[in-house]
Amino acid sequence: MSVFDGGLSSREIERRTQTDVGYMYLAGMQHPSYRTILRFKREYSDLIDEAFKTTMKIATDEYLVKIHPVSLDGTKIKAKTSMNKLTN
């Protein structure tokens, strides 16, 4: 689950199985503890990654989603301003 929703913590996933319909459905209306979720994520991370890749491949092949490249730039540029210019 952490792959597609921004990397939620195990405690947050536990909370969402009680409040979010999508999570309730995926959890089969069960409410596993955060410890169970964490253990599952640790023990089966390779299978979770593989399932995600397979799902994305099928969705792409069936034209259900489009994949676009994303680039991130970590360049830091020091701003040339002062507090005086901000207040004007």
N, C-alpha and C. Protein backbone atom coordinates (compact mmCIF):
# COMPACT_ATOMS: atom_id res chain seq x y z
N MET A 1 0.81 -1.19 0.00
CA MET A 1 0.00 0.00 0.00
C MET A 1 0.85 1.26 0.00
N SER A 2 2.00 1.16 0.59
CA SER A 2 2.81 2.35 0.70
C SER A 2 3.30 2.87 -0.63
N VAL A 3 3.33 2.00 -1.63
CA VAL A 3 3.82 2.42 -2.92
C VAL A 3 2.90 3.42 -3.58
N PHE A 4 1.61 3.18 -3.53
CA PHE A 4 0.70 4.03 -4.28
C PHE A 4 0.10 5.17 -3.49
N ASP A 5 0.32 5.27 -2.23
CA ASP A 5 -0.33 6.34 -1.47
C ASP A 5 0.64 7.21 -0.70
N GLY A 6 1.88 7.26 -1.12
CA GLY A 6 2.81 8.17 -0.50
C GLY A 6 3.58 7.64 0.68
N GLY A 7 3.53 6.36 0.91
CA GLY A 7 4.31 5.77 1.98
C GLY A 7 3.72 5.97 3.35
N LEU A 8 2.50 5.57 3.55
CA LEU A 8 1.87 5.72 4.85
C LEU A 8 2.51 4.80 5.88
N SER A 9 2.50 5.25 7.12
CA SER A 9 3.02 4.43 8.20
C SER A 9 2.04 3.29 8.50
N SER A 10 2.52 2.28 9.17
CA SER A 10 1.68 1.14 9.53
C SER A 10 0.54 1.57 10.44
N ARG A 11 0.80 2.52 11.32
CA ARG A 11 -0.26 3.02 12.21
C ARG A 11 -1.34 3.76 11.41
N GLU A 12 -0.93 4.51 10.40
CA GLU A 12 -1.91 5.22 9.57
C GLU A 12 -2.73 4.24 8.75
N ILE A 13 -2.10 3.20 8.24
CA ILE A 13 -2.85 2.17 7.50
C ILE A 13 -3.86 1.51 8.42
N GLU A 14 -3.45 1.21 9.65
CA GLU A 14 -4.37 0.62 10.62
C GLU A 14 -5.58 1.53 10.83
N ARG A 15 -5.35 2.84 11.01
CA ARG A 15 -6.45 3.79 11.20
C ARG A 15 -7.37 3.82 9.98
N ARG A 16 -6.78 3.80 8.80
CA ARG A 16 -7.58 3.90 7.59
C ARG A 16 -8.42 2.65 7.33
N THR A 17 -8.01 1.50 7.85
CA THR A 17 -8.85 0.31 7.68
C THR A 17 -10.15 0.45 8.48
N GLN A 18 -10.22 1.45 9.34
CA GLN A 18 -11.43 1.68 10.12
C GLN A 18 -12.24 2.87 9.61
N THR A 19 -11.63 3.72 8.76
CA THR A 19 -12.31 4.94 8.34
C THR A 19 -12.42 5.12 6.83
N ASP A 20 -11.57 4.49 6.04
CA ASP A 20 -11.51 4.71 4.59
C ASP A 20 -12.08 3.49 3.87
N VAL A 21 -13.09 3.71 3.05
CA VAL A 21 -13.78 2.60 2.38
C VAL A 21 -12.83 1.78 1.52
N GLY A 22 -11.91 2.43 0.82
CA GLY A 22 -10.95 1.71 -0.01
C GLY A 22 -10.07 0.77 0.80
N TYR A 23 -9.59 1.25 1.93
CA TYR A 23 -8.76 0.43 2.80
C TYR A 23 -9.58 -0.69 3.44
N MET A 24 -10.83 -0.38 3.78
CA MET A 24 -11.71 -1.42 4.35
C MET A 24 -11.88 -2.56 3.34
N TYR A 25 -12.10 -2.19 2.08
CA TYR A 25 -12.28 -3.20 1.03
C TYR A 25 -11.02 -4.04 0.87
N LEU A 26 -9.86 -3.37 0.77
CA LEU A 26 -8.60 -4.10 0.58
C LEU A 26 -8.27 -4.99 1.77
N ALA A 27 -8.70 -4.59 2.96
CA ALA A 27 -8.42 -5.37 4.17
C ALA A 27 -9.51 -6.42 4.42
N GLY A 28 -10.47 -6.53 3.51
CA GLY A 28 -11.54 -7.52 3.69
C GLY A 28 -12.37 -7.25 4.93
N MET A 29 -12.57 -5.96 5.23
CA MET A 29 -13.34 -5.54 6.41
C MET A 29 -12.71 -6.00 7.72
N GLN A 30 -11.44 -6.34 7.69
CA GLN A 30 -10.71 -6.67 8.92
C GLN A 30 -9.90 -5.46 9.33
N HIS A 31 -9.50 -5.42 10.57
CA HIS A 31 -8.73 -4.29 11.09
C HIS A 31 -7.44 -4.81 11.74
N PRO A 32 -6.44 -5.14 10.93
CA PRO A 32 -5.20 -5.66 11.49
C PRO A 32 -4.47 -4.58 12.30
N SER A 33 -3.72 -5.01 13.29
CA SER A 33 -2.96 -4.06 14.10
C SER A 33 -1.77 -3.55 13.29
N TYR A 34 -1.23 -2.43 13.71
CA TYR A 34 -0.10 -1.86 13.00
C TYR A 34 1.10 -2.81 13.03
N ARG A 35 1.22 -3.60 14.10
CA ARG A 35 2.32 -4.57 14.18
C ARG A 35 2.20 -5.64 13.10
N THR A 36 0.98 -6.11 12.87
CA THR A 36 0.75 -7.11 11.82
C THR A 36 1.06 -6.51 10.46
N ILE A 37 0.63 -5.28 10.22
CA ILE A 37 0.89 -4.61 8.95
C ILE A 37 2.38 -4.42 8.75
N LEU A 38 3.08 -3.98 9.78
CA LEU A 38 4.53 -3.77 9.69
C LEU A 38 5.25 -5.08 9.41
N ARG A 39 4.87 -6.12 10.09
CA ARG A 39 5.50 -7.44 9.88
C ARG A 39 5.25 -7.91 8.44
N PHE A 40 4.03 -7.73 7.96
CA PHE A 40 3.70 -8.12 6.59
C PHE A 40 4.55 -7.33 5.59
N LYS A 41 4.67 -6.02 5.78
CA LYS A 41 5.45 -5.18 4.87
C LYS A 41 6.92 -5.60 4.86
N ARG A 42 7.45 -5.95 6.02
CA ARG A 42 8.86 -6.38 6.10
C ARG A 42 9.10 -7.73 5.46
N GLU A 43 8.22 -8.69 5.76
CA GLU A 43 8.42 -10.06 5.29
C GLU A 43 8.12 -10.23 3.80
N TYR A 44 7.22 -9.43 3.26
CA TYR A 44 6.77 -9.64 1.88
C TYR A 44 7.01 -8.43 0.98
N SER A 45 7.99 -7.60 1.31
CA SER A 45 8.23 -6.39 0.52
C SER A 45 8.54 -6.72 -0.94
N ASP A 46 9.28 -7.80 -1.18
CA ASP A 46 9.61 -8.16 -2.56
C ASP A 46 8.35 -8.59 -3.33
N LEU A 47 7.44 -9.29 -2.68
CA LEU A 47 6.19 -9.71 -3.34
C LEU A 47 5.27 -8.51 -3.55
N ILE A 48 5.26 -7.57 -2.63
CA ILE A 48 4.44 -6.36 -2.77
C ILE A 48 4.95 -5.57 -3.96
N ASP A 49 6.26 -5.40 -4.09
CA ASP A 49 6.83 -4.68 -5.23
C ASP A 49 6.49 -5.37 -6.55
N GLU A 50 6.62 -6.69 -6.57
CA GLU A 50 6.32 -7.45 -7.79
C GLU A 50 4.85 -7.33 -8.16
N ALA A 51 3.95 -7.40 -7.19
CA ALA A 51 2.52 -7.26 -7.46
C ALA A 51 2.20 -5.87 -8.01
N PHE A 52 2.85 -4.86 -7.47
CA PHE A 52 2.63 -3.50 -7.96
C PHE A 52 3.10 -3.36 -9.40
N LYS A 53 4.29 -3.89 -9.69
CA LYS A 53 4.83 -3.82 -11.06
C LYS A 53 3.93 -4.55 -12.04
N THR A 54 3.45 -5.73 -11.66
CA THR A 54 2.56 -6.50 -12.52
C THR A 54 1.25 -5.75 -12.76
N THR A 55 0.69 -5.17 -11.70
CA THR A 55 -0.56 -4.41 -11.83
C THR A 55 -0.36 -3.22 -12.76
N MET A 56 0.74 -2.51 -12.62
CA MET A 56 1.01 -1.35 -13.47
C MET A 56 1.22 -1.77 -14.93
N LYS A 57 1.88 -2.90 -15.14
CA LYS A 57 2.09 -3.39 -16.51
C LYS A 57 0.76 -3.73 -17.17
N ILE A 58 -0.10 -4.43 -16.45
CA ILE A 58 -1.42 -4.79 -17.00
C ILE A 58 -2.23 -3.52 -17.29
N ALA A 59 -2.24 -2.58 -16.34
CA ALA A 59 -2.99 -1.34 -16.52
C ALA A 59 -2.47 -0.54 -17.71
N THR A 60 -1.14 -0.52 -17.89
CA THR A 60 -0.55 0.18 -19.03
C THR A 60 -0.88 -0.52 -20.33
N ASP A 61 -0.77 -1.84 -20.37
CA ASP A 61 -1.08 -2.61 -21.58
C ASP A 61 -2.54 -2.46 -22.00
N GLU A 62 -3.43 -2.30 -21.04
CA GLU A 62 -4.87 -2.15 -21.32
C GLU A 62 -5.27 -0.68 -21.49
N TYR A 63 -4.28 0.22 -21.51
CA TYR A 63 -4.50 1.66 -21.67
C TYR A 63 -5.41 2.24 -20.57
N LEU A 64 -5.28 1.72 -19.37
CA LEU A 64 -6.02 2.24 -18.23
C LEU A 64 -5.27 3.39 -17.56
N VAL A 65 -3.95 3.40 -17.71
CA VAL A 65 -3.12 4.47 -17.17
C VAL A 65 -2.05 4.82 -18.18
N LYS A 66 -1.50 6.01 -18.05
CA LYS A 66 -0.38 6.44 -18.87
C LYS A 66 0.78 6.74 -17.92
N ILE A 67 1.95 6.26 -18.27
CA ILE A 67 3.14 6.48 -17.46
C ILE A 67 3.98 7.56 -18.12
N HIS A 68 4.31 8.60 -17.37
CA HIS A 68 5.15 9.68 -17.87
C HIS A 68 6.39 9.79 -16.99
N PRO A 69 7.53 10.07 -17.60
CA PRO A 69 8.74 10.23 -16.79
C PRO A 69 8.67 11.49 -15.92
N VAL A 70 9.23 11.39 -14.72
CA VAL A 70 9.27 12.51 -13.80
C VAL A 70 10.72 12.72 -13.40
N SER A 71 11.15 13.97 -13.41
CA SER A 71 12.52 14.29 -13.02
C SER A 71 12.49 15.20 -11.80
N LEU A 72 13.39 14.95 -10.88
CA LEU A 72 13.51 15.78 -9.70
C LEU A 72 14.89 16.42 -9.70
N ASP A 73 14.94 17.68 -9.34
CA ASP A 73 16.20 18.40 -9.28
C ASP A 73 16.39 18.90 -7.86
N GLY A 74 17.48 18.53 -7.25
CA GLY A 74 17.73 18.93 -5.86
C GLY A 74 18.60 20.17 -5.74
N THR A 75 18.70 20.95 -6.80
CA THR A 75 19.54 22.14 -6.78
C THR A 75 19.00 23.16 -5.79
N LYS A 76 19.89 23.70 -4.99
CA LYS A 76 19.49 24.74 -4.02
C LYS A 76 20.15 26.04 -4.45
N ILE A 77 19.34 27.08 -4.54
CA ILE A 77 19.83 28.39 -4.95
C ILE A 77 19.53 29.37 -3.84
N LYS A 78 20.55 30.10 -3.42
CA LYS A 78 20.36 31.08 -2.37
C LYS A 78 19.63 32.30 -2.95
N ALA A 79 18.58 32.71 -2.25
CA ALA A 79 17.79 33.85 -2.71
C ALA A 79 18.53 35.15 -2.45
N LYS A 80 18.38 36.08 -3.36
CA LYS A 80 18.98 37.40 -3.18
C LYS A 80 17.88 38.37 -2.79
N THR A 81 17.58 38.41 -1.53
CA THR A 81 16.55 39.32 -1.03
C THR A 81 16.87 39.67 0.42
N SER A 82 16.13 40.57 0.94
CA SER A 82 16.32 40.96 2.34
C SER A 82 14.95 41.15 2.97
N MET A 83 14.89 41.25 4.27
CA MET A 83 13.63 41.44 4.97
C MET A 83 12.98 42.76 4.55
N ASN A 84 13.80 43.79 4.22
CA ASN A 84 13.26 45.07 3.80
C ASN A 84 12.46 44.94 2.52
N LYS A 85 12.94 44.14 1.58
CA LYS A 85 12.25 43.97 0.31
C LYS A 85 10.98 43.15 0.47
N LEU A 86 10.91 42.29 1.46
CA LEU A 86 9.73 41.47 1.67
C LEU A 86 8.56 42.27 2.22
N THR A 87 8.84 43.30 2.99
CA THR A 87 7.76 44.07 3.62
C THR A 87 7.19 45.14 2.72
N ASN A 88 7.81 45.45 1.61
CA ASN A 88 7.32 46.51 0.72
C ASN A 88 6.24 46.04 -0.17
